[in-house]
Amino acid sequence: MSSREVLERLTANSKEWYQASNKALAEAVRKVNAELGGGRERVTFARIECSPDYSFAARRTRLWGLNRSPFRMALVILSLGRILLPSNDEVRRQRAASCDEVYKRQPNETSEQKRERQNGHMLCRYAALGHPNRDGALLYADAITNLLKPALGIIGSSSR
């Protein structure tokens, strides 16, 4: 699969996740408001605008991804895949240390336990992938702020 095909697939996956999560979250908000009753919305869903340009691995992504610097890519190639690309989030080092501690080798572990430990360790190390980076977090903050302005009667809101 070419890098272009991979990017197209990742973009499609991001779009599918975006649509499904918006639908599920909006439905959850509707359900809670119906259960609370009272005729007014007590809970609101802050939908973010997420263009394909912000998808995972896109040039302008708003999600944490992999450190694909030329140096890192060369290490992966030269090591024949033994060295893996790290995530590019800010707490990668701290999380890696925690993952190493939680998933350290146990004495007398079975091959099944070893496989489970290694899978858990990998999931732990890459936990940031696909979650909002700083710019992505700002999308959420802006969506929430824009909903709160009219509700709080703040000058400059769209309701004035």
N, C-alpha and C. Protein backbone atom coordinates (compact mmCIF):
# COMPACT_ATOMS: atom_id res chain seq x y z
N MET A 1 0.85 -1.17 0.00
CA MET A 1 0.00 0.00 0.00
C MET A 1 0.90 1.24 0.00
N SER A 2 0.64 2.17 -0.89
CA SER A 2 1.45 3.38 -0.99
C SER A 2 1.14 4.32 0.18
N SER A 3 2.02 5.29 0.41
CA SER A 3 1.79 6.24 1.50
C SER A 3 0.54 7.07 1.23
N ARG A 4 0.26 7.34 -0.04
CA ARG A 4 -0.96 8.07 -0.39
C ARG A 4 -2.20 7.26 -0.03
N GLU A 5 -2.16 5.96 -0.34
CA GLU A 5 -3.29 5.08 -0.01
C GLU A 5 -3.47 4.97 1.51
N VAL A 6 -2.36 4.90 2.23
CA VAL A 6 -2.43 4.85 3.69
C VAL A 6 -3.08 6.12 4.22
N LEU A 7 -2.64 7.28 3.71
CA LEU A 7 -3.21 8.55 4.15
C LEU A 7 -4.70 8.62 3.82
N GLU A 8 -5.09 8.15 2.65
CA GLU A 8 -6.51 8.15 2.28
C GLU A 8 -7.32 7.26 3.21
N ARG A 9 -6.76 6.11 3.56
CA ARG A 9 -7.45 5.19 4.47
C ARG A 9 -7.56 5.82 5.87
N LEU A 10 -6.47 6.43 6.34
CA LEU A 10 -6.50 7.08 7.66
C LEU A 10 -7.50 8.23 7.67
N THR A 11 -7.56 8.98 6.58
CA THR A 11 -8.53 10.08 6.48
C THR A 11 -9.95 9.54 6.51
N ALA A 12 -10.20 8.46 5.78
CA ALA A 12 -11.53 7.83 5.78
C ALA A 12 -11.88 7.31 7.17
N ASN A 13 -10.92 6.70 7.85
CA ASN A 13 -11.16 6.21 9.22
C ASN A 13 -11.48 7.36 10.16
N SER A 14 -10.74 8.46 10.03
CA SER A 14 -10.99 9.63 10.88
C SER A 14 -12.38 10.19 10.63
N LYS A 15 -12.78 10.26 9.35
CA LYS A 15 -14.11 10.77 9.01
C LYS A 15 -15.20 9.87 9.58
N GLU A 16 -15.02 8.57 9.45
CA GLU A 16 -16.00 7.62 9.98
C GLU A 16 -16.11 7.75 11.50
N TRP A 17 -14.96 7.84 12.17
CA TRP A 17 -14.98 8.01 13.63
C TRP A 17 -15.67 9.31 14.00
N TYR A 18 -15.35 10.39 13.31
CA TYR A 18 -15.93 11.71 13.58
C TYR A 18 -17.45 11.66 13.46
N GLN A 19 -17.95 11.07 12.38
CA GLN A 19 -19.39 11.00 12.17
C GLN A 19 -20.07 10.10 13.20
N ALA A 20 -19.49 8.94 13.46
CA ALA A 20 -20.09 8.00 14.42
C ALA A 20 -20.06 8.56 15.84
N SER A 21 -18.96 9.18 16.22
CA SER A 21 -18.88 9.71 17.59
C SER A 21 -19.82 10.90 17.76
N ASN A 22 -19.92 11.77 16.76
CA ASN A 22 -20.86 12.89 16.85
C ASN A 22 -22.29 12.39 16.99
N LYS A 23 -22.65 11.37 16.23
CA LYS A 23 -24.00 10.81 16.30
C LYS A 23 -24.26 10.21 17.68
N ALA A 24 -23.31 9.42 18.18
CA ALA A 24 -23.48 8.77 19.49
C ALA A 24 -23.52 9.79 20.62
N LEU A 25 -22.65 10.78 20.57
CA LEU A 25 -22.62 11.79 21.63
C LEU A 25 -23.88 12.67 21.60
N ALA A 26 -24.32 13.06 20.42
CA ALA A 26 -25.55 13.86 20.31
C ALA A 26 -26.74 13.07 20.83
N GLU A 27 -26.79 11.78 20.53
CA GLU A 27 -27.88 10.93 21.02
C GLU A 27 -27.82 10.79 22.54
N ALA A 28 -26.63 10.65 23.10
CA ALA A 28 -26.48 10.55 24.55
C ALA A 28 -26.97 11.84 25.23
N VAL A 29 -26.64 12.98 24.65
CA VAL A 29 -27.09 14.27 25.20
C VAL A 29 -28.61 14.36 25.11
N ARG A 30 -29.18 13.98 23.97
CA ARG A 30 -30.63 14.01 23.80
C ARG A 30 -31.32 13.14 24.85
N LYS A 31 -30.76 11.95 25.06
CA LYS A 31 -31.33 11.00 26.01
C LYS A 31 -31.28 11.55 27.44
N VAL A 32 -30.15 12.11 27.83
CA VAL A 32 -30.02 12.67 29.18
C VAL A 32 -30.99 13.82 29.37
N ASN A 33 -31.10 14.71 28.39
CA ASN A 33 -32.03 15.83 28.50
C ASN A 33 -33.47 15.34 28.60
N ALA A 34 -33.82 14.28 27.86
CA ALA A 34 -35.17 13.72 27.93
C ALA A 34 -35.43 13.13 29.32
N GLU A 35 -34.43 12.45 29.88
CA GLU A 35 -34.58 11.85 31.21
C GLU A 35 -34.69 12.92 32.29
N LEU A 36 -33.98 14.03 32.13
CA LEU A 36 -34.02 15.10 33.12
C LEU A 36 -35.33 15.87 33.05
N GLY A 37 -35.93 15.92 31.86
CA GLY A 37 -37.20 16.60 31.69
C GLY A 37 -37.08 18.09 31.96
N GLY A 38 -38.21 18.71 32.25
CA GLY A 38 -38.22 20.12 32.59
C GLY A 38 -38.33 21.04 31.39
N GLY A 39 -38.34 20.51 30.20
CA GLY A 39 -38.57 21.34 29.03
C GLY A 39 -37.39 22.16 28.54
N ARG A 40 -36.27 22.11 29.21
CA ARG A 40 -35.12 22.87 28.71
C ARG A 40 -33.88 21.98 28.68
N GLU A 41 -32.97 22.33 27.81
CA GLU A 41 -31.73 21.56 27.71
C GLU A 41 -30.85 21.84 28.92
N ARG A 42 -30.44 20.79 29.60
CA ARG A 42 -29.52 20.94 30.73
C ARG A 42 -28.11 20.53 30.32
N VAL A 43 -28.03 19.71 29.26
CA VAL A 43 -26.75 19.23 28.74
C VAL A 43 -26.70 19.59 27.26
N THR A 44 -25.54 20.02 26.80
CA THR A 44 -25.37 20.40 25.40
C THR A 44 -24.15 19.70 24.82
N PHE A 45 -24.25 19.31 23.59
CA PHE A 45 -23.14 18.67 22.89
C PHE A 45 -22.37 19.73 22.10
N ALA A 46 -21.09 19.84 22.37
CA ALA A 46 -20.23 20.79 21.67
C ALA A 46 -19.56 20.07 20.50
N ARG A 47 -20.17 20.19 19.34
CA ARG A 47 -19.64 19.55 18.13
C ARG A 47 -18.46 20.38 17.61
N ILE A 48 -17.37 19.71 17.32
CA ILE A 48 -16.23 20.41 16.74
C ILE A 48 -16.27 20.25 15.22
N GLU A 49 -15.74 21.23 14.54
CA GLU A 49 -15.61 21.14 13.08
C GLU A 49 -14.25 20.54 12.78
N CYS A 50 -14.26 19.38 12.20
CA CYS A 50 -13.02 18.65 11.96
C CYS A 50 -12.92 18.31 10.47
N SER A 51 -12.16 19.11 9.74
CA SER A 51 -12.03 18.89 8.30
C SER A 51 -11.09 17.71 8.04
N PRO A 52 -11.13 17.14 6.84
CA PRO A 52 -10.20 16.05 6.51
C PRO A 52 -8.73 16.45 6.68
N ASP A 53 -8.45 17.75 6.55
CA ASP A 53 -7.07 18.23 6.75
C ASP A 53 -6.58 17.98 8.17
N TYR A 54 -7.51 17.78 9.10
CA TYR A 54 -7.14 17.58 10.51
C TYR A 54 -7.07 16.11 10.88
N SER A 55 -7.31 15.22 9.92
CA SER A 55 -7.33 13.78 10.18
C SER A 55 -5.97 13.26 10.63
N PHE A 56 -5.99 12.06 11.17
CA PHE A 56 -4.76 11.41 11.62
C PHE A 56 -3.76 11.33 10.48
N ALA A 57 -2.54 11.76 10.73
CA ALA A 57 -1.40 11.71 9.80
C ALA A 57 -1.51 12.70 8.64
N ALA A 58 -2.56 13.53 8.62
CA ALA A 58 -2.65 14.57 7.58
C ALA A 58 -1.64 15.67 7.90
N ARG A 59 -1.35 16.48 6.90
CA ARG A 59 -0.35 17.54 7.07
C ARG A 59 -0.71 18.51 8.20
N ARG A 60 -1.99 18.85 8.31
CA ARG A 60 -2.45 19.80 9.33
C ARG A 60 -3.22 19.08 10.45
N THR A 61 -2.83 17.86 10.75
CA THR A 61 -3.55 17.06 11.74
C THR A 61 -3.73 17.81 13.06
N ARG A 62 -4.81 17.51 13.73
CA ARG A 62 -5.07 18.05 15.06
C ARG A 62 -5.04 16.91 16.08
N LEU A 63 -4.36 15.82 15.68
CA LEU A 63 -4.26 14.63 16.53
C LEU A 63 -2.80 14.26 16.72
N TRP A 64 -2.51 13.65 17.88
CA TRP A 64 -1.16 13.14 18.09
C TRP A 64 -0.93 11.99 17.13
N GLY A 65 0.28 11.88 16.64
CA GLY A 65 0.62 10.83 15.70
C GLY A 65 1.97 10.22 16.02
N LEU A 66 2.69 9.85 14.98
CA LEU A 66 4.01 9.24 15.12
C LEU A 66 5.08 10.24 14.73
N ASN A 67 6.23 10.14 15.39
CA ASN A 67 7.38 10.98 15.05
C ASN A 67 8.01 10.38 13.79
N ARG A 68 7.70 10.97 12.65
CA ARG A 68 8.17 10.45 11.37
C ARG A 68 9.30 11.30 10.80
N SER A 69 10.16 11.78 11.67
CA SER A 69 11.30 12.58 11.19
C SER A 69 12.19 11.70 10.31
N PRO A 70 12.95 12.30 9.40
CA PRO A 70 13.85 11.50 8.56
C PRO A 70 14.80 10.62 9.38
N PHE A 71 15.29 11.14 10.49
CA PHE A 71 16.18 10.36 11.36
C PHE A 71 15.47 9.12 11.89
N ARG A 72 14.25 9.31 12.40
CA ARG A 72 13.47 8.18 12.95
C ARG A 72 13.15 7.17 11.86
N MET A 73 12.79 7.65 10.68
CA MET A 73 12.46 6.73 9.58
C MET A 73 13.69 5.92 9.19
N ALA A 74 14.86 6.56 9.17
CA ALA A 74 16.11 5.84 8.84
C ALA A 74 16.39 4.76 9.88
N LEU A 75 16.15 5.07 11.17
CA LEU A 75 16.36 4.07 12.22
C LEU A 75 15.46 2.86 12.03
N VAL A 76 14.22 3.10 11.68
CA VAL A 76 13.28 1.99 11.45
C VAL A 76 13.79 1.11 10.31
N ILE A 77 14.20 1.74 9.23
CA ILE A 77 14.67 0.98 8.05
C ILE A 77 15.96 0.23 8.37
N LEU A 78 16.92 0.91 8.98
CA LEU A 78 18.21 0.28 9.28
C LEU A 78 18.09 -0.84 10.30
N SER A 79 17.11 -0.74 11.18
CA SER A 79 16.94 -1.78 12.20
C SER A 79 16.04 -2.91 11.71
N LEU A 80 15.61 -2.81 10.45
CA LEU A 80 14.69 -3.80 9.87
C LEU A 80 13.41 -3.94 10.69
N GLY A 81 12.93 -2.80 11.19
CA GLY A 81 11.68 -2.77 11.93
C GLY A 81 11.78 -3.08 13.41
N ARG A 82 12.99 -3.32 13.90
CA ARG A 82 13.13 -3.61 15.34
C ARG A 82 12.96 -2.36 16.18
N ILE A 83 13.34 -1.22 15.63
CA ILE A 83 13.11 0.06 16.29
C ILE A 83 11.80 0.60 15.74
N LEU A 84 10.91 0.99 16.62
CA LEU A 84 9.59 1.48 16.22
C LEU A 84 9.53 3.00 16.33
N LEU A 85 8.66 3.59 15.55
CA LEU A 85 8.47 5.03 15.63
C LEU A 85 7.78 5.38 16.94
N PRO A 86 8.28 6.38 17.67
CA PRO A 86 7.59 6.80 18.89
C PRO A 86 6.44 7.75 18.54
N SER A 87 5.52 7.92 19.47
CA SER A 87 4.46 8.91 19.28
C SER A 87 5.10 10.29 19.43
N ASN A 88 4.39 11.33 18.98
CA ASN A 88 4.96 12.67 19.02
C ASN A 88 4.30 13.56 20.07
N ASP A 89 3.69 12.97 21.08
CA ASP A 89 3.04 13.76 22.12
C ASP A 89 4.04 14.21 23.18
N GLU A 90 3.63 15.18 23.97
CA GLU A 90 4.52 15.82 24.93
C GLU A 90 4.85 14.98 26.15
N VAL A 91 4.04 13.99 26.46
CA VAL A 91 4.30 13.19 27.66
C VAL A 91 4.75 11.77 27.32
N ARG A 92 5.24 11.61 26.10
CA ARG A 92 5.67 10.29 25.63
C ARG A 92 6.69 9.66 26.56
N ARG A 93 7.68 10.42 26.97
CA ARG A 93 8.74 9.86 27.82
C ARG A 93 8.20 9.40 29.18
N GLN A 94 7.37 10.22 29.79
CA GLN A 94 6.79 9.85 31.09
C GLN A 94 5.89 8.62 30.95
N ARG A 95 5.08 8.61 29.88
CA ARG A 95 4.19 7.47 29.68
C ARG A 95 4.99 6.21 29.40
N ALA A 96 6.06 6.32 28.60
CA ALA A 96 6.89 5.16 28.29
C ALA A 96 7.49 4.58 29.57
N ALA A 97 7.94 5.46 30.47
CA ALA A 97 8.51 4.98 31.74
C ALA A 97 7.44 4.27 32.56
N SER A 98 6.24 4.83 32.60
CA SER A 98 5.13 4.20 33.34
C SER A 98 4.77 2.86 32.70
N CYS A 99 4.72 2.83 31.38
CA CYS A 99 4.39 1.58 30.67
C CYS A 99 5.43 0.51 30.97
N ASP A 100 6.70 0.91 30.95
CA ASP A 100 7.78 -0.04 31.24
C ASP A 100 7.63 -0.62 32.65
N GLU A 101 7.22 0.23 33.59
CA GLU A 101 7.06 -0.23 34.97
C GLU A 101 5.85 -1.16 35.11
N VAL A 102 4.73 -0.77 34.53
CA VAL A 102 3.50 -1.56 34.64
C VAL A 102 3.62 -2.89 33.91
N TYR A 103 4.28 -2.89 32.76
CA TYR A 103 4.35 -4.08 31.92
C TYR A 103 5.73 -4.74 31.94
N LYS A 104 6.41 -4.65 33.08
CA LYS A 104 7.73 -5.29 33.14
C LYS A 104 7.58 -6.81 33.20
N ARG A 105 8.61 -7.48 32.73
CA ARG A 105 8.61 -8.94 32.66
C ARG A 105 8.46 -9.53 34.05
N GLN A 106 7.59 -10.52 34.16
CA GLN A 106 7.36 -11.20 35.42
C GLN A 106 8.11 -12.53 35.44
N PRO A 107 8.62 -12.91 36.59
CA PRO A 107 9.30 -14.21 36.65
C PRO A 107 8.30 -15.34 36.36
N ASN A 108 8.75 -16.31 35.65
CA ASN A 108 7.96 -17.51 35.34
C ASN A 108 6.69 -17.23 34.53
N GLU A 109 6.68 -16.17 33.72
CA GLU A 109 5.48 -15.90 32.93
C GLU A 109 5.39 -16.91 31.79
N THR A 110 4.17 -17.29 31.48
CA THR A 110 3.93 -18.23 30.39
C THR A 110 4.04 -17.48 29.06
N SER A 111 4.07 -18.23 27.97
CA SER A 111 4.15 -17.58 26.66
C SER A 111 2.89 -16.74 26.40
N GLU A 112 1.75 -17.21 26.88
CA GLU A 112 0.50 -16.45 26.74
C GLU A 112 0.57 -15.15 27.55
N GLN A 113 1.06 -15.23 28.78
CA GLN A 113 1.21 -14.04 29.62
C GLN A 113 2.20 -13.05 28.99
N LYS A 114 3.26 -13.58 28.41
CA LYS A 114 4.26 -12.73 27.75
C LYS A 114 3.62 -11.99 26.57
N ARG A 115 2.85 -12.72 25.77
CA ARG A 115 2.17 -12.11 24.62
C ARG A 115 1.21 -11.02 25.07
N GLU A 116 0.42 -11.30 26.11
CA GLU A 116 -0.52 -10.31 26.64
C GLU A 116 0.21 -9.09 27.19
N ARG A 117 1.32 -9.34 27.90
CA ARG A 117 2.11 -8.24 28.47
C ARG A 117 2.67 -7.37 27.35
N GLN A 118 3.22 -7.99 26.32
CA GLN A 118 3.79 -7.23 25.21
C GLN A 118 2.73 -6.43 24.45
N ASN A 119 1.55 -7.02 24.26
CA ASN A 119 0.45 -6.30 23.61
C ASN A 119 0.00 -5.11 24.45
N GLY A 120 -0.16 -5.34 25.76
CA GLY A 120 -0.53 -4.25 26.66
C GLY A 120 0.51 -3.15 26.68
N HIS A 121 1.77 -3.55 26.67
CA HIS A 121 2.87 -2.57 26.67
C HIS A 121 2.82 -1.71 25.41
N MET A 122 2.59 -2.33 24.26
CA MET A 122 2.52 -1.57 23.01
C MET A 122 1.33 -0.61 23.02
N LEU A 123 0.17 -1.08 23.46
CA LEU A 123 -1.00 -0.21 23.54
C LEU A 123 -0.76 0.96 24.48
N CYS A 124 -0.10 0.69 25.58
CA CYS A 124 0.22 1.73 26.55
C CYS A 124 1.14 2.78 25.93
N ARG A 125 2.19 2.33 25.26
CA ARG A 125 3.17 3.27 24.67
C ARG A 125 2.55 4.16 23.60
N TYR A 126 1.56 3.64 22.88
CA TYR A 126 0.95 4.40 21.80
C TYR A 126 -0.43 4.97 22.17
N ALA A 127 -0.69 5.11 23.45
CA ALA A 127 -2.01 5.55 23.92
C ALA A 127 -2.42 6.93 23.40
N ALA A 128 -1.48 7.78 23.09
CA ALA A 128 -1.81 9.13 22.64
C ALA A 128 -2.30 9.18 21.19
N LEU A 129 -1.96 8.18 20.40
CA LEU A 129 -2.28 8.22 18.97
C LEU A 129 -3.77 8.45 18.74
N GLY A 130 -4.07 9.42 17.90
CA GLY A 130 -5.45 9.70 17.55
C GLY A 130 -6.18 10.61 18.52
N HIS A 131 -5.56 10.96 19.62
CA HIS A 131 -6.17 11.89 20.56
C HIS A 131 -5.77 13.32 20.20
N PRO A 132 -6.56 14.31 20.59
CA PRO A 132 -6.26 15.70 20.20
C PRO A 132 -4.89 16.17 20.69
N ASN A 133 -4.15 16.82 19.78
CA ASN A 133 -2.92 17.49 20.17
C ASN A 133 -3.30 18.88 20.68
N ARG A 134 -2.33 19.76 20.88
CA ARG A 134 -2.65 21.10 21.40
C ARG A 134 -3.64 21.84 20.50
N ASP A 135 -3.40 21.79 19.19
CA ASP A 135 -4.32 22.47 18.27
C ASP A 135 -5.70 21.81 18.27
N GLY A 136 -5.73 20.49 18.40
CA GLY A 136 -7.00 19.78 18.50
C GLY A 136 -7.76 20.14 19.77
N ALA A 137 -7.03 20.29 20.87
CA ALA A 137 -7.66 20.68 22.13
C ALA A 137 -8.28 22.07 22.01
N LEU A 138 -7.64 22.95 21.23
CA LEU A 138 -8.20 24.29 21.02
C LEU A 138 -9.51 24.22 20.24
N LEU A 139 -9.65 23.27 19.33
CA LEU A 139 -10.93 23.09 18.63
C LEU A 139 -12.04 22.79 19.63
N TYR A 140 -11.76 21.90 20.58
CA TYR A 140 -12.75 21.57 21.61
C TYR A 140 -13.04 22.77 22.49
N ALA A 141 -11.99 23.48 22.91
CA ALA A 141 -12.17 24.66 23.77
C ALA A 141 -13.02 25.71 23.07
N ASP A 142 -12.75 25.96 21.79
CA ASP A 142 -13.53 26.95 21.04
C ASP A 142 -14.99 26.53 20.91
N ALA A 143 -15.23 25.26 20.63
CA ALA A 143 -16.61 24.77 20.49
C ALA A 143 -17.38 24.94 21.80
N ILE A 144 -16.74 24.62 22.91
CA ILE A 144 -17.39 24.76 24.22
C ILE A 144 -17.61 26.23 24.55
N THR A 145 -16.60 27.05 24.33
CA THR A 145 -16.71 28.49 24.61
C THR A 145 -17.82 29.12 23.79
N ASN A 146 -17.91 28.76 22.52
CA ASN A 146 -18.96 29.33 21.66
C ASN A 146 -20.36 28.93 22.11
N LEU A 147 -20.50 27.77 22.73
CA LEU A 147 -21.80 27.37 23.27
C LEU A 147 -22.11 28.10 24.58
N LEU A 148 -21.09 28.35 25.36
CA LEU A 148 -21.30 28.99 26.66
C LEU A 148 -21.57 30.49 26.56
N LYS A 149 -21.00 31.16 25.58
CA LYS A 149 -21.17 32.62 25.46
C LYS A 149 -22.63 33.04 25.46
N PRO A 150 -23.47 32.50 24.58
CA PRO A 150 -24.88 32.91 24.60
C PRO A 150 -25.58 32.51 25.91
N ALA A 151 -25.24 31.34 26.42
CA ALA A 151 -25.89 30.87 27.65
C ALA A 151 -25.56 31.77 28.83
N LEU A 152 -24.37 32.34 28.82
CA LEU A 152 -23.94 33.21 29.92
C LEU A 152 -24.16 34.69 29.61
N GLY A 153 -24.65 34.99 28.40
CA GLY A 153 -24.91 36.37 28.02
C GLY A 153 -23.64 37.19 27.85
N ILE A 154 -22.59 36.57 27.38
CA ILE A 154 -21.31 37.26 27.21
C ILE A 154 -21.36 38.09 25.94
N ILE A 155 -20.89 39.34 26.03
CA ILE A 155 -20.86 40.24 24.88
C ILE A 155 -20.00 39.63 23.79
N GLY A 156 -20.47 39.77 22.57
CA GLY A 156 -19.73 39.20 21.44
C GLY A 156 -20.26 37.84 21.05
N SER A 157 -21.27 37.35 21.76
CA SER A 157 -21.84 36.05 21.41
C SER A 157 -22.74 36.21 20.20
N SER A 158 -23.03 35.14 19.56
CA SER A 158 -23.84 35.17 18.34
C SER A 158 -25.30 35.53 18.62
N SER A 159 -25.73 35.50 19.88
CA SER A 159 -27.14 35.78 20.20
C SER A 159 -27.40 37.26 20.40
N ARG A 160 -26.38 38.09 20.34
CA ARG A 160 -26.58 39.53 20.57
C ARG A 160 -26.51 40.30 19.30
